[in-house]
Amino acid sequence: MQGSNVWTLSSRRFQPFLAFYASSPSSTNSHSTVEMCRSLTFIIEYSCGHRYPKDTQKVDCKSTNCKISSLHSTAPHACLTTCKQGREPPVDIVNETSTVPCASCAPPMPRRRG
């Protein structure tokens, strides 16, 4: 996950965050920062410090001039010159932490004899 933004949430209840983040820049919400579609990756962080993705969600910018958006204009237009052609960089969100190390760092389980 190198090279991307990492946000840490203290609670597993992150729906208000998603609602804010996914709000359209053309809405009345003047503090919105979504100008292009992007993806959010939800991550678990283990006690050893390793992080692994658990889920990914697409955030639609809901713009008519974004090629990836569900609201992209279907009317004839010069899409390559007037529309955004890609996604913003992905955002990694640590929304779960574990008190145990990951499987790679955990000590091996003792074998049962029997």
PDB file of N, CA and C in Angstrom:
ATOM      1  N   MET A   1       0.814  -1.176   0.000  1.00  0.00           N
ATOM      2  CA  MET A   1       0.000   0.000   0.000  1.00  0.00           C
ATOM      3  C   MET A   1       0.864   1.248   0.000  1.00  0.00           C
ATOM      4  N   GLN A   2       2.073   1.110  -0.407  1.00  0.00           N
ATOM      5  CA  GLN A   2       2.995   2.225  -0.463  1.00  0.00           C
ATOM      6  C   GLN A   2       2.520   3.252  -1.473  1.00  0.00           C
ATOM      7  N   GLY A   3       2.747   4.506  -1.190  1.00  0.00           N
ATOM      8  CA  GLY A   3       2.490   5.565  -2.139  1.00  0.00           C
ATOM      9  C   GLY A   3       1.057   6.054  -2.153  1.00  0.00           C
ATOM     10  N   SER A   4       0.189   5.537  -1.298  1.00  0.00           N
ATOM     11  CA  SER A   4      -1.171   6.028  -1.269  1.00  0.00           C
ATOM     12  C   SER A   4      -1.462   6.655   0.081  1.00  0.00           C
ATOM     13  N   ASN A   5      -2.546   7.402   0.130  1.00  0.00           N
ATOM     14  CA  ASN A   5      -2.953   8.015   1.384  1.00  0.00           C
ATOM     15  C   ASN A   5      -3.455   6.929   2.328  1.00  0.00           C
ATOM     16  N   VAL A   6      -3.194   7.057   3.607  1.00  0.00           N
ATOM     17  CA  VAL A   6      -3.721   6.123   4.602  1.00  0.00           C
ATOM     18  C   VAL A   6      -4.428   6.928   5.671  1.00  0.00           C
ATOM     19  N   TRP A   7      -5.696   6.630   5.874  1.00  0.00           N
ATOM     20  CA  TRP A   7      -6.471   7.277   6.911  1.00  0.00           C
ATOM     21  C   TRP A   7      -6.805   6.232   7.951  1.00  0.00           C
ATOM     22  N   THR A   8      -6.793   6.597   9.212  1.00  0.00           N
ATOM     23  CA  THR A   8      -7.130   5.675  10.280  1.00  0.00           C
ATOM     24  C   THR A   8      -8.428   6.138  10.935  1.00  0.00           C
ATOM     25  N   LEU A   9      -9.370   5.215  11.048  1.00  0.00           N
ATOM     26  CA  LEU A   9     -10.626   5.503  11.708  1.00  0.00           C
ATOM     27  C   LEU A   9     -10.628   4.795  13.054  1.00  0.00           C
ATOM     28  N   SER A  10     -11.073   5.474  14.090  1.00  0.00           N
ATOM     29  CA  SER A  10     -11.071   4.871  15.422  1.00  0.00           C
ATOM     30  C   SER A  10     -12.282   3.982  15.642  1.00  0.00           C
ATOM     31  N   SER A  11     -13.237   4.024  14.752  1.00  0.00           N
ATOM     32  CA  SER A  11     -14.448   3.243  14.910  1.00  0.00           C
ATOM     33  C   SER A  11     -14.733   2.458  13.644  1.00  0.00           C
ATOM     34  N   ARG A  12     -15.363   1.314  13.794  1.00  0.00           N
ATOM     35  CA  ARG A  12     -15.742   0.523  12.625  1.00  0.00           C
ATOM     36  C   ARG A  12     -16.962   1.126  11.943  1.00  0.00           C
ATOM     37  N   ARG A  13     -17.598   2.081  12.596  1.00  0.00           N
ATOM     38  CA  ARG A  13     -18.777   2.723  12.005  1.00  0.00           C
ATOM     39  C   ARG A  13     -18.318   3.910  11.164  1.00  0.00           C
ATOM     40  N   PHE A  14     -18.032   3.680   9.905  1.00  0.00           N
ATOM     41  CA  PHE A  14     -17.473   4.723   9.054  1.00  0.00           C
ATOM     42  C   PHE A  14     -18.445   5.181   7.979  1.00  0.00           C
ATOM     43  N   GLN A  15     -19.713   4.835   8.080  1.00  0.00           N
ATOM     44  CA  GLN A  15     -20.688   5.249   7.078  1.00  0.00           C
ATOM     45  C   GLN A  15     -20.815   6.776   6.973  1.00  0.00           C
ATOM     46  N   PRO A  16     -20.816   7.540   8.084  1.00  0.00           N
ATOM     47  CA  PRO A  16     -20.863   8.999   7.927  1.00  0.00           C
ATOM     48  C   PRO A  16     -19.669   9.531   7.137  1.00  0.00           C
ATOM     49  N   PHE A  17     -18.497   8.921   7.339  1.00  0.00           N
ATOM     50  CA  PHE A  17     -17.309   9.316   6.576  1.00  0.00           C
ATOM     51  C   PHE A  17     -17.535   9.076   5.095  1.00  0.00           C
ATOM     52  N   LEU A  18     -18.061   7.893   4.751  1.00  0.00           N
ATOM     53  CA  LEU A  18     -18.304   7.581   3.348  1.00  0.00           C
ATOM     54  C   LEU A  18     -19.330   8.523   2.745  1.00  0.00           C
ATOM     55  N   ALA A  19     -20.368   8.839   3.504  1.00  0.00           N
ATOM     56  CA  ALA A  19     -21.396   9.748   3.003  1.00  0.00           C
ATOM     57  C   ALA A  19     -20.788  11.114   2.689  1.00  0.00           C
ATOM     58  N   PHE A  20     -19.929  11.611   3.589  1.00  0.00           N
ATOM     59  CA  PHE A  20     -19.258  12.884   3.334  1.00  0.00           C
ATOM     60  C   PHE A  20     -18.335  12.774   2.130  1.00  0.00           C
ATOM     61  N   TYR A  21     -17.531  11.720   2.108  1.00  0.00           N
ATOM     62  CA  TYR A  21     -16.515  11.587   1.075  1.00  0.00           C
ATOM     63  C   TYR A  21     -17.117  11.388  -0.312  1.00  0.00           C
ATOM     64  N   ALA A  22     -18.268  10.710  -0.366  1.00  0.00           N
ATOM     65  CA  ALA A  22     -18.888  10.419  -1.653  1.00  0.00           C
ATOM     66  C   ALA A  22     -19.802  11.525  -2.132  1.00  0.00           C
ATOM     67  N   SER A  23     -19.945  12.599  -1.365  1.00  0.00           N
ATOM     68  CA  SER A  23     -20.849  13.666  -1.760  1.00  0.00           C
ATOM     69  C   SER A  23     -20.347  14.339  -3.032  1.00  0.00           C
ATOM     70  N   SER A  24     -21.276  14.738  -3.842  1.00  0.00           N
ATOM     71  CA  SER A  24     -20.945  15.318  -5.144  1.00  0.00           C
ATOM     72  C   SER A  24     -20.413  16.735  -4.994  1.00  0.00           C
ATOM     73  N   PRO A  25     -19.392  17.112  -5.785  1.00  0.00           N
ATOM     74  CA  PRO A  25     -18.877  18.479  -5.699  1.00  0.00           C
ATOM     75  C   PRO A  25     -19.900  19.507  -6.169  1.00  0.00           C
ATOM     76  N   SER A  26     -20.900  19.072  -6.926  1.00  0.00           N
ATOM     77  CA  SER A  26     -21.906  20.014  -7.407  1.00  0.00           C
ATOM     78  C   SER A  26     -23.052  20.168  -6.423  1.00  0.00           C
ATOM     79  N   SER A  27     -23.011  19.424  -5.301  1.00  0.00           N
ATOM     80  CA  SER A  27     -24.081  19.517  -4.315  1.00  0.00           C
ATOM     81  C   SER A  27     -23.915  20.783  -3.487  1.00  0.00           C
ATOM     82  N   THR A  28     -24.847  20.971  -2.557  1.00  0.00           N
ATOM     83  CA  THR A  28     -24.768  22.149  -1.689  1.00  0.00           C
ATOM     84  C   THR A  28     -23.699  21.986  -0.624  1.00  0.00           C
ATOM     85  N   ASN A  29     -23.106  20.822  -0.530  1.00  0.00           N
ATOM     86  CA  ASN A  29     -22.043  20.556   0.443  1.00  0.00           C
ATOM     87  C   ASN A  29     -20.750  21.191  -0.087  1.00  0.00           C
ATOM     88  N   SER A  30     -20.443  22.397   0.362  1.00  0.00           N
ATOM     89  CA  SER A  30     -19.327  23.148  -0.218  1.00  0.00           C
ATOM     90  C   SER A  30     -17.960  22.622   0.191  1.00  0.00           C
ATOM     91  N   HIS A  31     -17.866  21.729   1.207  1.00  0.00           N
ATOM     92  CA  HIS A  31     -16.567  21.241   1.643  1.00  0.00           C
ATOM     93  C   HIS A  31     -16.202  19.908   1.018  1.00  0.00           C
ATOM     94  N   SER A  32     -16.943  19.462   0.011  1.00  0.00           N
ATOM     95  CA  SER A  32     -16.655  18.186  -0.630  1.00  0.00           C
ATOM     96  C   SER A  32     -15.364  18.267  -1.437  1.00  0.00           C
ATOM     97  N   THR A  33     -14.601  17.177  -1.446  1.00  0.00           N
ATOM     98  CA  THR A  33     -13.341  17.165  -2.172  1.00  0.00           C
ATOM     99  C   THR A  33     -13.335  16.165  -3.313  1.00  0.00           C
ATOM    100  N   VAL A  34     -14.429  15.443  -3.545  1.00  0.00           N
ATOM    101  CA  VAL A  34     -14.456  14.432  -4.591  1.00  0.00           C
ATOM    102  C   VAL A  34     -14.690  15.105  -5.928  1.00  0.00           C
ATOM    103  N   GLU A  35     -13.688  15.073  -6.790  1.00  0.00           N
ATOM    104  CA  GLU A  35     -13.814  15.664  -8.109  1.00  0.00           C
ATOM    105  C   GLU A  35     -13.732  14.613  -9.197  1.00  0.00           C
ATOM    106  N   MET A  36     -13.263  13.431  -8.843  1.00  0.00           N
ATOM    107  CA  MET A  36     -13.198  12.303  -9.763  1.00  0.00           C
ATOM    108  C   MET A  36     -13.530  11.049  -8.969  1.00  0.00           C
ATOM    109  N   CYS A  37     -13.905  10.007  -9.684  1.00  0.00           N
ATOM    110  CA  CYS A  37     -14.153   8.740  -9.019  1.00  0.00           C
ATOM    111  C   CYS A  37     -12.845   8.223  -8.412  1.00  0.00           C
ATOM    112  N   ARG A  38     -12.955   7.410  -7.379  1.00  0.00           N
ATOM    113  CA  ARG A  38     -11.790   6.803  -6.755  1.00  0.00           C
ATOM    114  C   ARG A  38     -12.230   5.562  -6.018  1.00  0.00           C
ATOM    115  N   SER A  39     -11.274   4.840  -5.486  1.00  0.00           N
ATOM    116  CA  SER A  39     -11.613   3.665  -4.693  1.00  0.00           C
ATOM    117  C   SER A  39     -11.064   3.828  -3.282  1.00  0.00           C
ATOM    118  N   LEU A  40     -11.799   3.269  -2.333  1.00  0.00           N
ATOM    119  CA  LEU A  40     -11.389   3.248  -0.937  1.00  0.00           C
ATOM    120  C   LEU A  40     -11.068   1.804  -0.592  1.00  0.00           C
ATOM    121  N   THR A  41      -9.927   1.577   0.040  1.00  0.00           N
ATOM    122  CA  THR A  41      -9.550   0.235   0.469  1.00  0.00           C
ATOM    123  C   THR A  41      -9.562   0.212   1.986  1.00  0.00           C
ATOM    124  N   PHE A  42     -10.366  -0.686   2.550  1.00  0.00           N
ATOM    125  CA  PHE A  42     -10.472  -0.823   3.998  1.00  0.00           C
ATOM    126  C   PHE A  42      -9.476  -1.871   4.452  1.00  0.00           C
ATOM    127  N   ILE A  43      -8.723  -1.539   5.492  1.00  0.00           N
ATOM    128  CA  ILE A  43      -7.546  -2.316   5.878  1.00  0.00           C
ATOM    129  C   ILE A  43      -7.623  -2.732   7.343  1.00  0.00           C
ATOM    130  N   ILE A  44      -7.117  -3.938   7.629  1.00  0.00           N
ATOM    131  CA  ILE A  44      -6.917  -4.377   9.008  1.00  0.00           C
ATOM    132  C   ILE A  44      -5.432  -4.229   9.318  1.00  0.00           C
ATOM    133  N   GLU A  45      -5.138  -3.657  10.486  1.00  0.00           N
ATOM    134  CA  GLU A  45      -3.749  -3.502  10.924  1.00  0.00           C
ATOM    135  C   GLU A  45      -3.524  -4.415  12.123  1.00  0.00           C
ATOM    136  N   TYR A  46      -2.520  -5.276  12.022  1.00  0.00           N
ATOM    137  CA  TYR A  46      -2.202  -6.230  13.081  1.00  0.00           C
ATOM    138  C   TYR A  46      -1.210  -5.624  14.067  1.00  0.00           C
ATOM    139  N   SER A  47      -1.074  -6.259  15.233  1.00  0.00           N
ATOM    140  CA  SER A  47      -0.191  -5.735  16.285  1.00  0.00           C
ATOM    141  C   SER A  47       1.268  -5.681  15.845  1.00  0.00           C
ATOM    142  N   CYS A  48       1.640  -6.486  14.859  1.00  0.00           N
ATOM    143  CA  CYS A  48       3.016  -6.480  14.359  1.00  0.00           C
ATOM    144  C   CYS A  48       3.284  -5.293  13.425  1.00  0.00           C
ATOM    145  N   GLY A  49       2.218  -4.576  13.053  1.00  0.00           N
ATOM    146  CA  GLY A  49       2.363  -3.419  12.171  1.00  0.00           C
ATOM    147  C   GLY A  49       2.016  -3.695  10.725  1.00  0.00           C
ATOM    148  N   HIS A  50       1.865  -4.956  10.355  1.00  0.00           N
ATOM    149  CA  HIS A  50       1.490  -5.273   8.980  1.00  0.00           C
ATOM    150  C   HIS A  50       0.038  -4.906   8.741  1.00  0.00           C
ATOM    151  N   ARG A  51      -0.232  -4.477   7.514  1.00  0.00           N
ATOM    152  CA  ARG A  51      -1.587  -4.082   7.111  1.00  0.00           C
ATOM    153  C   ARG A  51      -1.996  -4.895   5.902  1.00  0.00           C
ATOM    154  N   TYR A  52      -3.250  -5.355   5.916  1.00  0.00           N
ATOM    155  CA  TYR A  52      -3.775  -6.141   4.801  1.00  0.00           C
ATOM    156  C   TYR A  52      -5.150  -5.629   4.411  1.00  0.00           C
ATOM    157  N   PRO A  53      -5.430  -5.549   3.106  1.00  0.00           N
ATOM    158  CA  PRO A  53      -6.749  -5.084   2.666  1.00  0.00           C
ATOM    159  C   PRO A  53      -7.830  -6.111   2.975  1.00  0.00           C
ATOM    160  N   LYS A  54      -8.989  -5.599   3.365  1.00  0.00           N
ATOM    161  CA  LYS A  54     -10.132  -6.464   3.637  1.00  0.00           C
ATOM    162  C   LYS A  54     -11.255  -6.243   2.632  1.00  0.00           C
ATOM    163  N   ASP A  55     -11.425  -5.010   2.170  1.00  0.00           N
ATOM    164  CA  ASP A  55     -12.539  -4.696   1.280  1.00  0.00           C
ATOM    165  C   ASP A  55     -12.194  -3.442   0.478  1.00  0.00           C
ATOM    166  N   THR A  56     -12.798  -3.319  -0.681  1.00  0.00           N
ATOM    167  CA  THR A  56     -12.614  -2.146  -1.529  1.00  0.00           C
ATOM    168  C   THR A  56     -13.983  -1.641  -1.947  1.00  0.00           C
ATOM    169  N   GLN A  57     -14.123  -0.322  -1.999  1.00  0.00           N
ATOM    170  CA  GLN A  57     -15.380   0.267  -2.416  1.00  0.00           C
ATOM    171  C   GLN A  57     -15.112   1.407  -3.392  1.00  0.00           C
ATOM    172  N   LYS A  58     -15.872   1.447  -4.464  1.00  0.00           N
ATOM    173  CA  LYS A  58     -15.755   2.534  -5.438  1.00  0.00           C
ATOM    174  C   LYS A  58     -16.588   3.714  -4.956  1.00  0.00           C
ATOM    175  N   VAL A  59     -16.020   4.914  -5.076  1.00  0.00           N
ATOM    176  CA  VAL A  59     -16.746   6.141  -4.761  1.00  0.00           C
ATOM    177  C   VAL A  59     -17.000   6.852  -6.086  1.00  0.00           C
ATOM    178  N   ASP A  60     -18.262   7.016  -6.403  1.00  0.00           N
ATOM    179  CA  ASP A  60     -18.672   7.647  -7.659  1.00  0.00           C
ATOM    180  C   ASP A  60     -18.759   9.152  -7.438  1.00  0.00           C
ATOM    181  N   CYS A  61     -18.087   9.932  -8.271  1.00  0.00           N
ATOM    182  CA  CYS A  61     -18.103  11.390  -8.120  1.00  0.00           C
ATOM    183  C   CYS A  61     -19.412  12.003  -8.610  1.00  0.00           C
ATOM    184  N   LYS A  62     -20.214  11.232  -9.314  1.00  0.00           N
ATOM    185  CA  LYS A  62     -21.514  11.674  -9.814  1.00  0.00           C
ATOM    186  C   LYS A  62     -21.404  12.919 -10.690  1.00  0.00           C
ATOM    187  N   SER A  63     -20.385  12.924 -11.504  1.00  0.00           N
ATOM    188  CA  SER A  63     -20.166  14.050 -12.406  1.00  0.00           C
ATOM    189  C   SER A  63     -20.495  13.630 -13.835  1.00  0.00           C
ATOM    190  N   THR A  64     -21.133  14.522 -14.574  1.00  0.00           N
ATOM    191  CA  THR A  64     -21.466  14.220 -15.970  1.00  0.00           C
ATOM    192  C   THR A  64     -20.227  14.304 -16.860  1.00  0.00           C
ATOM    193  N   ASN A  65     -19.153  14.951 -16.377  1.00  0.00           N
ATOM    194  CA  ASN A  65     -17.943  15.048 -17.202  1.00  0.00           C
ATOM    195  C   ASN A  65     -16.809  14.161 -16.683  1.00  0.00           C
ATOM    196  N   CYS A  66     -17.170  13.032 -16.081  1.00  0.00           N
ATOM    197  CA  CYS A  66     -16.197  12.023 -15.659  1.00  0.00           C
ATOM    198  C   CYS A  66     -16.544  10.733 -16.388  1.00  0.00           C
ATOM    199  N   LYS A  67     -15.612  10.230 -17.165  1.00  0.00           N
ATOM    200  CA  LYS A  67     -15.852   9.046 -17.994  1.00  0.00           C
ATOM    201  C   LYS A  67     -16.258   7.829 -17.167  1.00  0.00           C
ATOM    202  N   ILE A  68     -15.764   7.722 -15.932  1.00  0.00           N
ATOM    203  CA  ILE A  68     -16.007   6.552 -15.092  1.00  0.00           C
ATOM    204  C   ILE A  68     -17.310   6.650 -14.305  1.00  0.00           C
ATOM    205  N   SER A  69     -17.825   7.855 -14.113  1.00  0.00           N
ATOM    206  CA  SER A  69     -19.001   8.078 -13.296  1.00  0.00           C
ATOM    207  C   SER A  69     -20.260   7.441 -13.879  1.00  0.00           C
ATOM    208  N   SER A  70     -21.157   7.044 -12.989  1.00  0.00           N
ATOM    209  CA  SER A  70     -22.445   6.497 -13.429  1.00  0.00           C
ATOM    210  C   SER A  70     -23.310   7.569 -14.090  1.00  0.00           C
ATOM    211  N   LEU A  71     -22.997   8.836 -13.857  1.00  0.00           N
ATOM    212  CA  LEU A  71     -23.761   9.931 -14.461  1.00  0.00           C
ATOM    213  C   LEU A  71     -23.065  10.555 -15.673  1.00  0.00           C
ATOM    214  N   HIS A  72     -22.063   9.871 -16.231  1.00  0.00           N
ATOM    215  CA  HIS A  72     -21.358  10.377 -17.405  1.00  0.00           C
ATOM    216  C   HIS A  72     -22.360  10.657 -18.517  1.00  0.00           C
ATOM    217  N   SER A  73     -22.187  11.767 -19.160  1.00  0.00           N
ATOM    218  CA  SER A  73     -23.105  12.187 -20.210  1.00  0.00           C
ATOM    219  C   SER A  73     -23.161  11.170 -21.349  1.00  0.00           C
ATOM    220  N   THR A  74     -24.372  10.830 -21.747  1.00  0.00           N
ATOM    221  CA  THR A  74     -24.557   9.918 -22.888  1.00  0.00           C
ATOM    222  C   THR A  74     -24.791  10.695 -24.184  1.00  0.00           C
ATOM    223  N   ALA A  75     -24.940  12.002 -24.071  1.00  0.00           N
ATOM    224  CA  ALA A  75     -25.112  12.840 -25.266  1.00  0.00           C
ATOM    225  C   ALA A  75     -23.790  12.899 -26.023  1.00  0.00           C
ATOM    226  N   PRO A  76     -23.846  13.050 -27.350  1.00  0.00           N
ATOM    227  CA  PRO A  76     -22.600  13.167 -28.118  1.00  0.00           C
ATOM    228  C   PRO A  76     -21.767  14.362 -27.621  1.00  0.00           C
ATOM    229  N   HIS A  77     -20.490  14.100 -27.368  1.00  0.00           N
ATOM    230  CA  HIS A  77     -19.586  15.158 -26.912  1.00  0.00           C
ATOM    231  C   HIS A  77     -18.149  14.702 -27.138  1.00  0.00           C
ATOM    232  N   ALA A  78     -17.224  15.621 -27.021  1.00  0.00           N
ATOM    233  CA  ALA A  78     -15.794  15.314 -27.193  1.00  0.00           C
ATOM    234  C   ALA A  78     -15.248  14.800 -25.862  1.00  0.00           C
ATOM    235  N   CYS A  79     -15.542  13.554 -25.560  1.00  0.00           N
ATOM    236  CA  CYS A  79     -15.236  12.971 -24.252  1.00  0.00           C
ATOM    237  C   CYS A  79     -13.743  13.058 -23.907  1.00  0.00           C
ATOM    238  N   LEU A  80     -12.871  12.770 -24.845  1.00  0.00           N
ATOM    239  CA  LEU A  80     -11.435  12.767 -24.553  1.00  0.00           C
ATOM    240  C   LEU A  80     -10.900  14.142 -24.152  1.00  0.00           C
ATOM    241  N   THR A  81     -11.527  15.193 -24.634  1.00  0.00           N
ATOM    242  CA  THR A  81     -11.034  16.536 -24.324  1.00  0.00           C
ATOM    243  C   THR A  81     -11.839  17.250 -23.239  1.00  0.00           C
ATOM    244  N   THR A  82     -13.075  16.828 -23.002  1.00  0.00           N
ATOM    245  CA  THR A  82     -13.909  17.537 -22.027  1.00  0.00           C
ATOM    246  C   THR A  82     -14.151  16.760 -20.743  1.00  0.00           C
ATOM    247  N   CYS A  83     -13.908  15.469 -20.745  1.00  0.00           N
ATOM    248  CA  CYS A  83     -14.207  14.655 -19.557  1.00  0.00           C
ATOM    249  C   CYS A  83     -12.936  14.153 -18.877  1.00  0.00           C
ATOM    250  N   LYS A  84     -13.026  14.007 -17.578  1.00  0.00           N
ATOM    251  CA  LYS A  84     -11.925  13.407 -16.813  1.00  0.00           C
ATOM    252  C   LYS A  84     -11.859  11.940 -17.195  1.00  0.00           C
ATOM    253  N   GLN A  85     -10.652  11.429 -17.450  1.00  0.00           N
ATOM    254  CA  GLN A  85     -10.497  10.089 -18.011  1.00  0.00           C
ATOM    255  C   GLN A  85     -10.060   9.024 -17.004  1.00  0.00           C
ATOM    256  N   GLY A  86      -9.699   9.407 -15.813  1.00  0.00           N
ATOM    257  CA  GLY A  86      -9.187   8.420 -14.866  1.00  0.00           C
ATOM    258  C   GLY A  86      -9.730   8.625 -13.468  1.00  0.00           C
ATOM    259  N   ARG A  87      -9.213   7.847 -12.553  1.00  0.00           N
ATOM    260  CA  ARG A  87      -9.598   7.934 -11.147  1.00  0.00           C
ATOM    261  C   ARG A  87      -8.562   8.736 -10.372  1.00  0.00           C
ATOM    262  N   GLU A  88      -9.004   9.298  -9.242  1.00  0.00           N
ATOM    263  CA  GLU A  88      -8.069   9.898  -8.302  1.00  0.00           C
ATOM    264  C   GLU A  88      -7.301   8.765  -7.647  1.00  0.00           C
ATOM    265  N   PRO A  89      -6.163   9.054  -7.017  1.00  0.00           N
ATOM    266  CA  PRO A  89      -5.410   7.985  -6.342  1.00  0.00           C
ATOM    267  C   PRO A  89      -6.287   7.303  -5.291  1.00  0.00           C
ATOM    268  N   PRO A  90      -6.087   6.010  -5.074  1.00  0.00           N
ATOM    269  CA  PRO A  90      -6.897   5.312  -4.065  1.00  0.00           C
ATOM    270  C   PRO A  90      -6.555   5.794  -2.659  1.00  0.00           C
ATOM    271  N   VAL A  91      -7.505   5.604  -1.762  1.00  0.00           N
ATOM    272  CA  VAL A  91      -7.311   5.962  -0.363  1.00  0.00           C
ATOM    273  C   VAL A  91      -7.402   4.690   0.466  1.00  0.00           C
ATOM    274  N   ASP A  92      -6.407   4.448   1.298  1.00  0.00           N
ATOM    275  CA  ASP A  92      -6.397   3.309   2.209  1.00  0.00           C
ATOM    276  C   ASP A  92      -6.904   3.776   3.560  1.00  0.00           C
ATOM    277  N   ILE A  93      -7.851   3.042   4.137  1.00  0.00           N
ATOM    278  CA  ILE A  93      -8.451   3.410   5.414  1.00  0.00           C
ATOM    279  C   ILE A  93      -8.274   2.253   6.385  1.00  0.00           C
ATOM    280  N   VAL A  94      -7.531   2.479   7.452  1.00  0.00           N
ATOM    281  CA  VAL A  94      -7.386   1.463   8.490  1.00  0.00           C
ATOM    282  C   VAL A  94      -8.634   1.558   9.359  1.00  0.00           C
ATOM    283  N   ASN A  95      -9.557   0.622   9.181  1.00  0.00           N
ATOM    284  CA  ASN A  95     -10.803   0.665   9.930  1.00  0.00           C
ATOM    285  C   ASN A  95     -10.933  -0.475  10.927  1.00  0.00           C
ATOM    286  N   GLU A  96      -9.881  -1.293  11.036  1.00  0.00           N
ATOM    287  CA  GLU A  96      -9.897  -2.375  12.013  1.00  0.00           C
ATOM    288  C   GLU A  96      -8.474  -2.640  12.482  1.00  0.00           C
ATOM    289  N   THR A  97      -8.318  -2.816  13.782  1.00  0.00           N
ATOM    290  CA  THR A  97      -7.008  -3.169  14.317  1.00  0.00           C
ATOM    291  C   THR A  97      -7.140  -4.484  15.088  1.00  0.00           C
ATOM    292  N   SER A  98      -6.058  -5.243  15.107  1.00  0.00           N
ATOM    293  CA  SER A  98      -6.036  -6.531  15.782  1.00  0.00           C
ATOM    294  C   SER A  98      -4.983  -6.507  16.882  1.00  0.00           C
ATOM    295  N   THR A  99      -5.261  -7.200  17.960  1.00  0.00           N
ATOM    296  CA  THR A  99      -4.317  -7.269  19.075  1.00  0.00           C
ATOM    297  C   THR A  99      -3.329  -8.416  18.913  1.00  0.00           C
ATOM    298  N   VAL A 100      -3.446  -9.171  17.839  1.00  0.00           N
ATOM    299  CA  VAL A 100      -2.539 -10.294  17.572  1.00  0.00           C
ATOM    300  C   VAL A 100      -1.733  -9.999  16.313  1.00  0.00           C
ATOM    301  N   PRO A 101      -0.567 -10.624  16.151  1.00  0.00           N
ATOM    302  CA  PRO A 101       0.217 -10.432  14.925  1.00  0.00           C
ATOM    303  C   PRO A 101      -0.448 -11.129  13.742  1.00  0.00           C
ATOM    304  N   CYS A 102      -0.055 -10.746  12.549  1.00  0.00           N
ATOM    305  CA  CYS A 102      -0.591 -11.371  11.332  1.00  0.00           C
ATOM    306  C   CYS A 102      -0.089 -12.816  11.225  1.00  0.00           C
ATOM    307  N   ALA A 103      -0.635 -13.553  10.287  1.00  0.00           N
ATOM    308  CA  ALA A 103      -0.281 -14.965  10.115  1.00  0.00           C
ATOM    309  C   ALA A 103       1.206 -15.140   9.793  1.00  0.00           C
ATOM    310  N   SER A 104       1.797 -14.187   9.100  1.00  0.00           N
ATOM    311  CA  SER A 104       3.221 -14.288   8.753  1.00  0.00           C
ATOM    312  C   SER A 104       4.121 -14.107   9.971  1.00  0.00           C
ATOM    313  N   CYS A 105       3.680 -13.326  10.943  1.00  0.00           N
ATOM    314  CA  CYS A 105       4.511 -13.020  12.110  1.00  0.00           C
ATOM    315  C   CYS A 105       4.159 -13.857  13.343  1.00  0.00           C
ATOM    316  N   ALA A 106       3.001 -14.483  13.335  1.00  0.00           N
ATOM    317  CA  ALA A 106       2.562 -15.250  14.509  1.00  0.00           C
ATOM    318  C   ALA A 106       3.458 -16.468  14.697  1.00  0.00           C
ATOM    319  N   PRO A 107       3.725 -16.842  15.950  1.00  0.00           N
ATOM    320  CA  PRO A 107       4.525 -18.056  16.173  1.00  0.00           C
ATOM    321  C   PRO A 107       3.739 -19.270  15.676  1.00  0.00           C
ATOM    322  N   PRO A 108       4.458 -20.295  15.225  1.00  0.00           N
ATOM    323  CA  PRO A 108       3.756 -21.485  14.728  1.00  0.00           C
ATOM    324  C   PRO A 108       2.986 -22.175  15.849  1.00  0.00           C
ATOM    325  N   MET A 109       1.872 -22.750  15.471  1.00  0.00           N
ATOM    326  CA  MET A 109       1.046 -23.477  16.444  1.00  0.00           C
ATOM    327  C   MET A 109       1.720 -24.799  16.776  1.00  0.00           C
ATOM    328  N   PRO A 110       1.719 -25.204  18.059  1.00  0.00           N
ATOM    329  CA  PRO A 110       2.319 -26.501  18.405  1.00  0.00           C
ATOM    330  C   PRO A 110       1.508 -27.647  17.809  1.00  0.00           C
ATOM    331  N   ARG A 111       2.217 -28.663  17.370  1.00  0.00           N
ATOM    332  CA  ARG A 111       1.538 -29.829  16.774  1.00  0.00           C
ATOM    333  C   ARG A 111       0.917 -30.669  17.880  1.00  0.00           C
ATOM    334  N   ARG A 112      -0.256 -31.167  17.607  1.00  0.00           N
ATOM    335  CA  ARG A 112      -0.934 -32.039  18.567  1.00  0.00           C
ATOM    336  C   ARG A 112      -0.502 -33.485  18.319  1.00  0.00           C
ATOM    337  N   ARG A 113      -0.183 -34.120  19.349  1.00  0.00           N
ATOM    338  CA  ARG A 113       0.186 -35.541  19.229  1.00  0.00           C
ATOM    339  C   ARG A 113      -1.025 -36.376  19.620  1.00  0.00           C
ATOM    340  N   GLY A 114      -1.226 -37.396  18.882  1.00  0.00           N
ATOM    341  CA  GLY A 114      -2.337 -38.211  19.289  1.00  0.00           C
ATOM    342  C   GLY A 114      -2.728 -39.197  18.337  1.00  0.00           C
TER     343      GLY A 114
END
